[in-house]
Amino acid sequence: MSNNYYEDLYARFALHPGLIDAMREFGILYDREEGGEFYHLYTPVYGLRVFFEVVQRVGSYGSYGAANSAVRMAAQRRDRENRLT
């Protein structure tokens, strides 16, 4: 994930800088809504399209982290292009 993603997290949610540093180190994405939080990360893409998502819901988070979809897809595209070159 790009450093800009984690800088944006700090601006949007005012998370503790140490937490953001740990999330950056391990490529963990984050979302929050009233009543809950959502942490998620993705494995590398295997083959052309297979990857796994690991999630942790805290509280009553009821969504699927859609706010991070574009970030995930851009990172996967960048990784795929790097593997092909």
PDB file of N, CA and C in Angstrom:
ATOM      1  N   MET A   1       0.838  -1.175   0.000  1.00  0.00           N
ATOM      2  CA  MET A   1       0.000   0.000   0.000  1.00  0.00           C
ATOM      3  C   MET A   1       0.889   1.248   0.000  1.00  0.00           C
ATOM      4  N   SER A   2       0.387   2.281  -0.575  1.00  0.00           N
ATOM      5  CA  SER A   2       1.184   3.507  -0.665  1.00  0.00           C
ATOM      6  C   SER A   2       1.258   4.213   0.691  1.00  0.00           C
ATOM      7  N   ASN A   3       2.326   4.955   0.907  1.00  0.00           N
ATOM      8  CA  ASN A   3       2.446   5.739   2.137  1.00  0.00           C
ATOM      9  C   ASN A   3       1.323   6.756   2.238  1.00  0.00           C
ATOM     10  N   ASN A   4       0.880   7.260   1.102  1.00  0.00           N
ATOM     11  CA  ASN A   4      -0.196   8.237   1.103  1.00  0.00           C
ATOM     12  C   ASN A   4      -1.470   7.670   1.739  1.00  0.00           C
ATOM     13  N   TYR A   5      -1.739   6.383   1.523  1.00  0.00           N
ATOM     14  CA  TYR A   5      -2.914   5.754   2.125  1.00  0.00           C
ATOM     15  C   TYR A   5      -2.871   5.897   3.645  1.00  0.00           C
ATOM     16  N   TYR A   6      -1.707   5.645   4.233  1.00  0.00           N
ATOM     17  CA  TYR A   6      -1.596   5.691   5.689  1.00  0.00           C
ATOM     18  C   TYR A   6      -1.595   7.120   6.219  1.00  0.00           C
ATOM     19  N   GLU A   7      -1.065   8.046   5.453  1.00  0.00           N
ATOM     20  CA  GLU A   7      -1.156   9.456   5.843  1.00  0.00           C
ATOM     21  C   GLU A   7      -2.619   9.904   5.846  1.00  0.00           C
ATOM     22  N   ASP A   8      -3.368   9.424   4.861  1.00  0.00           N
ATOM     23  CA  ASP A   8      -4.789   9.746   4.790  1.00  0.00           C
ATOM     24  C   ASP A   8      -5.557   9.148   5.974  1.00  0.00           C
ATOM     25  N   LEU A   9      -5.187   7.930   6.391  1.00  0.00           N
ATOM     26  CA  LEU A   9      -5.833   7.322   7.556  1.00  0.00           C
ATOM     27  C   LEU A   9      -5.684   8.212   8.777  1.00  0.00           C
ATOM     28  N   TYR A  10      -4.481   8.717   8.977  1.00  0.00           N
ATOM     29  CA  TYR A  10      -4.241   9.584  10.126  1.00  0.00           C
ATOM     30  C   TYR A  10      -5.118  10.834  10.050  1.00  0.00           C
ATOM     31  N   ALA A  11      -5.212  11.418   8.872  1.00  0.00           N
ATOM     32  CA  ALA A  11      -6.019  12.629   8.696  1.00  0.00           C
ATOM     33  C   ALA A  11      -7.514  12.354   8.885  1.00  0.00           C
ATOM     34  N   ARG A  12      -7.988  11.215   8.396  1.00  0.00           N
ATOM     35  CA  ARG A  12      -9.420  10.901   8.468  1.00  0.00           C
ATOM     36  C   ARG A  12      -9.859  10.404   9.840  1.00  0.00           C
ATOM     37  N   PHE A  13      -9.026   9.594  10.498  1.00  0.00           N
ATOM     38  CA  PHE A  13      -9.468   8.928  11.719  1.00  0.00           C
ATOM     39  C   PHE A  13      -8.665   9.285  12.960  1.00  0.00           C
ATOM     40  N   ALA A  14      -7.572  10.029  12.811  1.00  0.00           N
ATOM     41  CA  ALA A  14      -6.715  10.412  13.944  1.00  0.00           C
ATOM     42  C   ALA A  14      -6.302   9.196  14.764  1.00  0.00           C
ATOM     43  N   LEU A  15      -5.896   8.130  14.071  1.00  0.00           N
ATOM     44  CA  LEU A  15      -5.400   6.938  14.750  1.00  0.00           C
ATOM     45  C   LEU A  15      -4.031   7.223  15.348  1.00  0.00           C
ATOM     46  N   HIS A  16      -3.666   6.471  16.361  1.00  0.00           N
ATOM     47  CA  HIS A  16      -2.363   6.626  17.003  1.00  0.00           C
ATOM     48  C   HIS A  16      -1.253   6.365  15.971  1.00  0.00           C
ATOM     49  N   PRO A  17      -0.244   7.226  15.917  1.00  0.00           N
ATOM     50  CA  PRO A  17       0.827   7.037  14.933  1.00  0.00           C
ATOM     51  C   PRO A  17       1.501   5.662  15.015  1.00  0.00           C
ATOM     52  N   GLY A  18       1.638   5.104  16.217  1.00  0.00           N
ATOM     53  CA  GLY A  18       2.239   3.778  16.356  1.00  0.00           C
ATOM     54  C   GLY A  18       1.393   2.701  15.695  1.00  0.00           C
ATOM     55  N   LEU A  19       0.070   2.824  15.792  1.00  0.00           N
ATOM     56  CA  LEU A  19      -0.835   1.882  15.138  1.00  0.00           C
ATOM     57  C   LEU A  19      -0.710   2.001  13.622  1.00  0.00           C
ATOM     58  N   ILE A  20      -0.660   3.221  13.139  1.00  0.00           N
ATOM     59  CA  ILE A  20      -0.519   3.426  11.694  1.00  0.00           C
ATOM     60  C   ILE A  20       0.804   2.861  11.197  1.00  0.00           C
ATOM     61  N   ASP A  21       1.869   3.047  11.961  1.00  0.00           N
ATOM     62  CA  ASP A  21       3.169   2.487  11.558  1.00  0.00           C
ATOM     63  C   ASP A  21       3.102   0.964  11.462  1.00  0.00           C
ATOM     64  N   ALA A  22       2.450   0.317  12.421  1.00  0.00           N
ATOM     65  CA  ALA A  22       2.318  -1.147  12.395  1.00  0.00           C
ATOM     66  C   ALA A  22       1.466  -1.584  11.211  1.00  0.00           C
ATOM     67  N   MET A  23       0.372  -0.860  10.936  1.00  0.00           N
ATOM     68  CA  MET A  23      -0.476  -1.209   9.797  1.00  0.00           C
ATOM     69  C   MET A  23       0.294  -1.039   8.493  1.00  0.00           C
ATOM     70  N   ARG A  24       1.095   0.019   8.387  1.00  0.00           N
ATOM     71  CA  ARG A  24       1.911   0.251   7.185  1.00  0.00           C
ATOM     72  C   ARG A  24       2.910  -0.899   7.007  1.00  0.00           C
ATOM     73  N   GLU A  25       3.565  -1.306   8.078  1.00  0.00           N
ATOM     74  CA  GLU A  25       4.570  -2.367   8.008  1.00  0.00           C
ATOM     75  C   GLU A  25       3.989  -3.674   7.460  1.00  0.00           C
ATOM     76  N   PHE A  26       2.751  -4.000   7.852  1.00  0.00           N
ATOM     77  CA  PHE A  26       2.153  -5.274   7.468  1.00  0.00           C
ATOM     78  C   PHE A  26       1.099  -5.152   6.359  1.00  0.00           C
ATOM     79  N   GLY A  27       0.902  -3.946   5.815  1.00  0.00           N
ATOM     80  CA  GLY A  27      -0.045  -3.764   4.712  1.00  0.00           C
ATOM     81  C   GLY A  27      -1.496  -3.916   5.126  1.00  0.00           C
ATOM     82  N   ILE A  28      -1.815  -3.504   6.340  1.00  0.00           N
ATOM     83  CA  ILE A  28      -3.180  -3.629   6.854  1.00  0.00           C
ATOM     84  C   ILE A  28      -3.985  -2.391   6.486  1.00  0.00           C
ATOM     85  N   LEU A  29      -5.173  -2.616   5.975  1.00  0.00           N
ATOM     86  CA  LEU A  29      -6.098  -1.536   5.632  1.00  0.00           C
ATOM     87  C   LEU A  29      -7.092  -1.361   6.769  1.00  0.00           C
ATOM     88  N   TYR A  30      -7.754  -0.205   6.793  1.00  0.00           N
ATOM     89  CA  TYR A  30      -8.619   0.128   7.924  1.00  0.00           C
ATOM     90  C   TYR A  30      -9.845   0.893   7.445  1.00  0.00           C
ATOM     91  N   ASP A  31     -10.940   0.641   8.117  1.00  0.00           N
ATOM     92  CA  ASP A  31     -12.150   1.444   7.920  1.00  0.00           C
ATOM     93  C   ASP A  31     -12.886   1.496   9.247  1.00  0.00           C
ATOM     94  N   ARG A  32     -13.717   2.503   9.400  1.00  0.00           N
ATOM     95  CA  ARG A  32     -14.493   2.647  10.628  1.00  0.00           C
ATOM     96  C   ARG A  32     -15.847   3.222  10.280  1.00  0.00           C
ATOM     97  N   GLU A  33     -16.848   2.768  10.993  1.00  0.00           N
ATOM     98  CA  GLU A  33     -18.184   3.339  10.909  1.00  0.00           C
ATOM     99  C   GLU A  33     -18.740   3.377  12.322  1.00  0.00           C
ATOM    100  N   GLU A  34     -19.854   4.006  12.491  1.00  0.00           N
ATOM    101  CA  GLU A  34     -20.435   4.109  13.822  1.00  0.00           C
ATOM    102  C   GLU A  34     -20.572   2.724  14.451  1.00  0.00           C
ATOM    103  N   GLY A  35     -19.945   2.561  15.583  1.00  0.00           N
ATOM    104  CA  GLY A  35     -20.071   1.311  16.317  1.00  0.00           C
ATOM    105  C   GLY A  35     -19.018   0.263  16.031  1.00  0.00           C
ATOM    106  N   GLY A  36     -18.142   0.476  15.047  1.00  0.00           N
ATOM    107  CA  GLY A  36     -17.172  -0.580  14.785  1.00  0.00           C
ATOM    108  C   GLY A  36     -16.029  -0.191  13.876  1.00  0.00           C
ATOM    109  N   GLU A  37     -15.046  -1.063  13.852  1.00  0.00           N
ATOM    110  CA  GLU A  37     -13.854  -0.879  13.032  1.00  0.00           C
ATOM    111  C   GLU A  37     -13.626  -2.133  12.201  1.00  0.00           C
ATOM    112  N   PHE A  38     -12.851  -1.976  11.129  1.00  0.00           N
ATOM    113  CA  PHE A  38     -12.582  -3.070  10.204  1.00  0.00           C
ATOM    114  C   PHE A  38     -11.123  -3.016   9.794  1.00  0.00           C
ATOM    115  N   TYR A  39     -10.382  -4.057  10.132  1.00  0.00           N
ATOM    116  CA  TYR A  39      -8.995  -4.206   9.725  1.00  0.00           C
ATOM    117  C   TYR A  39      -8.951  -5.323   8.693  1.00  0.00           C
ATOM    118  N   HIS A  40      -8.205  -5.135   7.610  1.00  0.00           N
ATOM    119  CA  HIS A  40      -8.098  -6.199   6.631  1.00  0.00           C
ATOM    120  C   HIS A  40      -6.795  -6.099   5.848  1.00  0.00           C
ATOM    121  N   LEU A  41      -6.338  -7.266   5.403  1.00  0.00           N
ATOM    122  CA  LEU A  41      -5.137  -7.337   4.579  1.00  0.00           C
ATOM    123  C   LEU A  41      -5.354  -8.409   3.527  1.00  0.00           C
ATOM    124  N   TYR A  42      -4.503  -8.378   2.524  1.00  0.00           N
ATOM    125  CA  TYR A  42      -4.628  -9.285   1.391  1.00  0.00           C
ATOM    126  C   TYR A  42      -3.321 -10.021   1.157  1.00  0.00           C
ATOM    127  N   THR A  43      -3.428 -11.274   0.773  1.00  0.00           N
ATOM    128  CA  THR A  43      -2.242 -12.029   0.380  1.00  0.00           C
ATOM    129  C   THR A  43      -1.825 -11.559  -1.015  1.00  0.00           C
ATOM    130  N   PRO A  44      -0.628 -11.930  -1.431  1.00  0.00           N
ATOM    131  CA  PRO A  44      -0.272 -11.677  -2.829  1.00  0.00           C
ATOM    132  C   PRO A  44      -1.242 -12.429  -3.747  1.00  0.00           C
ATOM    133  N   VAL A  45      -1.309 -11.986  -4.979  1.00  0.00           N
ATOM    134  CA  VAL A  45      -2.158 -12.664  -5.968  1.00  0.00           C
ATOM    135  C   VAL A  45      -1.413 -13.909  -6.441  1.00  0.00           C
ATOM    136  N   TYR A  46      -2.119 -15.027  -6.435  1.00  0.00           N
ATOM    137  CA  TYR A  46      -1.568 -16.290  -6.925  1.00  0.00           C
ATOM    138  C   TYR A  46      -2.128 -16.531  -8.320  1.00  0.00           C
ATOM    139  N   GLY A  47      -1.264 -16.900  -9.226  1.00  0.00           N
ATOM    140  CA  GLY A  47      -1.712 -17.047 -10.596  1.00  0.00           C
ATOM    141  C   GLY A  47      -2.112 -15.691 -11.136  1.00  0.00           C
ATOM    142  N   LEU A  48      -3.263 -15.639 -11.778  1.00  0.00           N
ATOM    143  CA  LEU A  48      -3.721 -14.375 -12.357  1.00  0.00           C
ATOM    144  C   LEU A  48      -4.735 -13.642 -11.494  1.00  0.00           C
ATOM    145  N   ARG A  49      -5.507 -14.366 -10.663  1.00  0.00           N
ATOM    146  CA  ARG A  49      -6.599 -13.686  -9.972  1.00  0.00           C
ATOM    147  C   ARG A  49      -6.894 -14.143  -8.550  1.00  0.00           C
ATOM    148  N   VAL A  50      -6.235 -15.131  -8.042  1.00  0.00           N
ATOM    149  CA  VAL A  50      -6.601 -15.682  -6.741  1.00  0.00           C
ATOM    150  C   VAL A  50      -5.826 -14.984  -5.633  1.00  0.00           C
ATOM    151  N   PHE A  51      -6.537 -14.474  -4.649  1.00  0.00           N
ATOM    152  CA  PHE A  51      -5.931 -13.900  -3.456  1.00  0.00           C
ATOM    153  C   PHE A  51      -6.884 -14.133  -2.297  1.00  0.00           C
ATOM    154  N   PHE A  52      -6.360 -13.993  -1.109  1.00  0.00           N
ATOM    155  CA  PHE A  52      -7.174 -14.181   0.083  1.00  0.00           C
ATOM    156  C   PHE A  52      -7.180 -12.891   0.887  1.00  0.00           C
ATOM    157  N   GLU A  53      -8.310 -12.629   1.490  1.00  0.00           N
ATOM    158  CA  GLU A  53      -8.463 -11.463   2.366  1.00  0.00           C
ATOM    159  C   GLU A  53      -8.597 -11.973   3.789  1.00  0.00           C
ATOM    160  N   VAL A  54      -7.855 -11.344   4.700  1.00  0.00           N
ATOM    161  CA  VAL A  54      -7.936 -11.658   6.125  1.00  0.00           C
ATOM    162  C   VAL A  54      -8.562 -10.448   6.792  1.00  0.00           C
ATOM    163  N   VAL A  55      -9.634 -10.666   7.546  1.00  0.00           N
ATOM    164  CA  VAL A  55     -10.356  -9.540   8.142  1.00  0.00           C
ATOM    165  C   VAL A  55     -10.503  -9.698   9.647  1.00  0.00           C
ATOM    166  N   GLN A  56     -10.631  -8.552  10.300  1.00  0.00           N
ATOM    167  CA  GLN A  56     -10.994  -8.506  11.712  1.00  0.00           C
ATOM    168  C   GLN A  56     -12.012  -7.397  11.883  1.00  0.00           C
ATOM    169  N   ARG A  57     -13.171  -7.761  12.378  1.00  0.00           N
ATOM    170  CA  ARG A  57     -14.208  -6.784  12.696  1.00  0.00           C
ATOM    171  C   ARG A  57     -14.166  -6.524  14.196  1.00  0.00           C
ATOM    172  N   VAL A  58     -14.250  -5.264  14.564  1.00  0.00           N
ATOM    173  CA  VAL A  58     -14.271  -4.869  15.965  1.00  0.00           C
ATOM    174  C   VAL A  58     -15.573  -4.141  16.210  1.00  0.00           C
ATOM    175  N   GLY A  59     -16.320  -4.553  17.222  1.00  0.00           N
ATOM    176  CA  GLY A  59     -17.605  -3.928  17.494  1.00  0.00           C
ATOM    177  C   GLY A  59     -18.634  -4.382  16.481  1.00  0.00           C
ATOM    178  N   SER A  60     -19.475  -3.455  16.088  1.00  0.00           N
ATOM    179  CA  SER A  60     -20.592  -3.811  15.196  1.00  0.00           C
ATOM    180  C   SER A  60     -20.392  -3.309  13.767  1.00  0.00           C
ATOM    181  N   TYR A  61     -19.164  -3.329  13.284  1.00  0.00           N
ATOM    182  CA  TYR A  61     -18.895  -2.928  11.904  1.00  0.00           C
ATOM    183  C   TYR A  61     -19.637  -3.898  10.986  1.00  0.00           C
ATOM    184  N   GLY A  62     -20.511  -3.358  10.133  1.00  0.00           N
ATOM    185  CA  GLY A  62     -21.343  -4.217   9.309  1.00  0.00           C
ATOM    186  C   GLY A  62     -21.068  -4.141   7.824  1.00  0.00           C
ATOM    187  N   SER A  63     -20.078  -3.370   7.416  1.00  0.00           N
ATOM    188  CA  SER A  63     -19.781  -3.217   5.993  1.00  0.00           C
ATOM    189  C   SER A  63     -18.651  -4.155   5.589  1.00  0.00           C
ATOM    190  N   TYR A  64     -18.094  -3.925   4.402  1.00  0.00           N
ATOM    191  CA  TYR A  64     -17.074  -4.812   3.864  1.00  0.00           C
ATOM    192  C   TYR A  64     -15.792  -4.086   3.478  1.00  0.00           C
ATOM    193  N   GLY A  65     -15.568  -2.891   3.986  1.00  0.00           N
ATOM    194  CA  GLY A  65     -14.347  -2.166   3.663  1.00  0.00           C
ATOM    195  C   GLY A  65     -14.295  -1.638   2.249  1.00  0.00           C
ATOM    196  N   ALA A  66     -15.453  -1.353   1.671  1.00  0.00           N
ATOM    197  CA  ALA A  66     -15.517  -0.908   0.274  1.00  0.00           C
ATOM    198  C   ALA A  66     -14.708   0.360   0.024  1.00  0.00           C
ATOM    199  N   ALA A  67     -14.545   1.182   1.044  1.00  0.00           N
ATOM    200  CA  ALA A  67     -13.783   2.425   0.880  1.00  0.00           C
ATOM    201  C   ALA A  67     -12.342   2.131   0.463  1.00  0.00           C
ATOM    202  N   ASN A  68     -11.852   0.921   0.735  1.00  0.00           N
ATOM    203  CA  ASN A  68     -10.474   0.561   0.417  1.00  0.00           C
ATOM    204  C   ASN A  68     -10.323  -0.230  -0.875  1.00  0.00           C
ATOM    205  N   SER A  69     -11.398  -0.482  -1.575  1.00  0.00           N
ATOM    206  CA  SER A  69     -11.338  -1.311  -2.791  1.00  0.00           C
ATOM    207  C   SER A  69     -10.399  -0.740  -3.837  1.00  0.00           C
ATOM    208  N   ALA A  70     -10.479   0.539  -4.081  1.00  0.00           N
ATOM    209  CA  ALA A  70      -9.626   1.152  -5.107  1.00  0.00           C
ATOM    210  C   ALA A  70      -8.156   1.065  -4.719  1.00  0.00           C
ATOM    211  N   VAL A  71      -7.863   1.230  -3.439  1.00  0.00           N
ATOM    212  CA  VAL A  71      -6.486   1.140  -2.951  1.00  0.00           C
ATOM    213  C   VAL A  71      -5.961  -0.276  -3.151  1.00  0.00           C
ATOM    214  N   ARG A  72      -6.763  -1.265  -2.793  1.00  0.00           N
ATOM    215  CA  ARG A  72      -6.365  -2.668  -2.950  1.00  0.00           C
ATOM    216  C   ARG A  72      -6.127  -3.001  -4.413  1.00  0.00           C
ATOM    217  N   MET A  73      -7.059  -2.624  -5.276  1.00  0.00           N
ATOM    218  CA  MET A  73      -6.925  -2.958  -6.697  1.00  0.00           C
ATOM    219  C   MET A  73      -5.698  -2.291  -7.310  1.00  0.00           C
ATOM    220  N   ALA A  74      -5.407  -1.057  -6.932  1.00  0.00           N
ATOM    221  CA  ALA A  74      -4.225  -0.371  -7.454  1.00  0.00           C
ATOM    222  C   ALA A  74      -2.950  -1.072  -6.994  1.00  0.00           C
ATOM    223  N   ALA A  75      -2.900  -1.496  -5.735  1.00  0.00           N
ATOM    224  CA  ALA A  75      -1.721  -2.191  -5.226  1.00  0.00           C
ATOM    225  C   ALA A  75      -1.552  -3.537  -5.919  1.00  0.00           C
ATOM    226  N   GLN A  76      -2.641  -4.266  -6.121  1.00  0.00           N
ATOM    227  CA  GLN A  76      -2.549  -5.550  -6.811  1.00  0.00           C
ATOM    228  C   GLN A  76      -2.120  -5.373  -8.265  1.00  0.00           C
ATOM    229  N   ARG A  77      -2.617  -4.353  -8.916  1.00  0.00           N
ATOM    230  CA  ARG A  77      -2.229  -4.080 -10.304  1.00  0.00           C
ATOM    231  C   ARG A  77      -0.735  -3.765 -10.371  1.00  0.00           C
ATOM    232  N   ARG A  78      -0.271  -2.925  -9.446  1.00  0.00           N
ATOM    233  CA  ARG A  78       1.148  -2.559  -9.408  1.00  0.00           C
ATOM    234  C   ARG A  78       2.016  -3.804  -9.158  1.00  0.00           C
ATOM    235  N   ASP A  79       1.604  -4.662  -8.231  1.00  0.00           N
ATOM    236  CA  ASP A  79       2.359  -5.891  -7.964  1.00  0.00           C
ATOM    237  C   ASP A  79       2.389  -6.808  -9.186  1.00  0.00           C
ATOM    238  N   ARG A  80       1.247  -6.938  -9.854  1.00  0.00           N
ATOM    239  CA  ARG A  80       1.169  -7.801 -11.054  1.00  0.00           C
ATOM    240  C   ARG A  80       2.113  -7.265 -12.133  1.00  0.00           C
ATOM    241  N   GLU A  81       2.101  -5.943 -12.348  1.00  0.00           N
ATOM    242  CA  GLU A  81       2.977  -5.356 -13.360  1.00  0.00           C
ATOM    243  C   GLU A  81       4.437  -5.557 -13.010  1.00  0.00           C
ATOM    244  N   ASN A  82       4.769  -5.465 -11.738  1.00  0.00           N
ATOM    245  CA  ASN A  82       6.160  -5.672 -11.310  1.00  0.00           C
ATOM    246  C   ASN A  82       6.595  -7.117 -11.529  1.00  0.00           C
ATOM    247  N   ARG A  83       5.695  -8.065 -11.338  1.00  0.00           N
ATOM    248  CA  ARG A  83       6.029  -9.474 -11.550  1.00  0.00           C
ATOM    249  C   ARG A  83       6.221  -9.794 -13.036  1.00  0.00           C
ATOM    250  N   LEU A  84       5.521  -9.066 -13.898  1.00  0.00           N
ATOM    251  CA  LEU A  84       5.594  -9.339 -15.330  1.00  0.00           C
ATOM    252  C   LEU A  84       6.791  -8.694 -16.006  1.00  0.00           C
ATOM    253  N   THR A  85       7.433  -7.751 -15.331  1.00  0.00           N
ATOM    254  CA  THR A  85       8.581  -7.071 -15.957  1.00  0.00           C
ATOM    255  C   THR A  85       9.890  -7.645 -15.504  1.00  0.00           C
TER     256      THR A  85
END
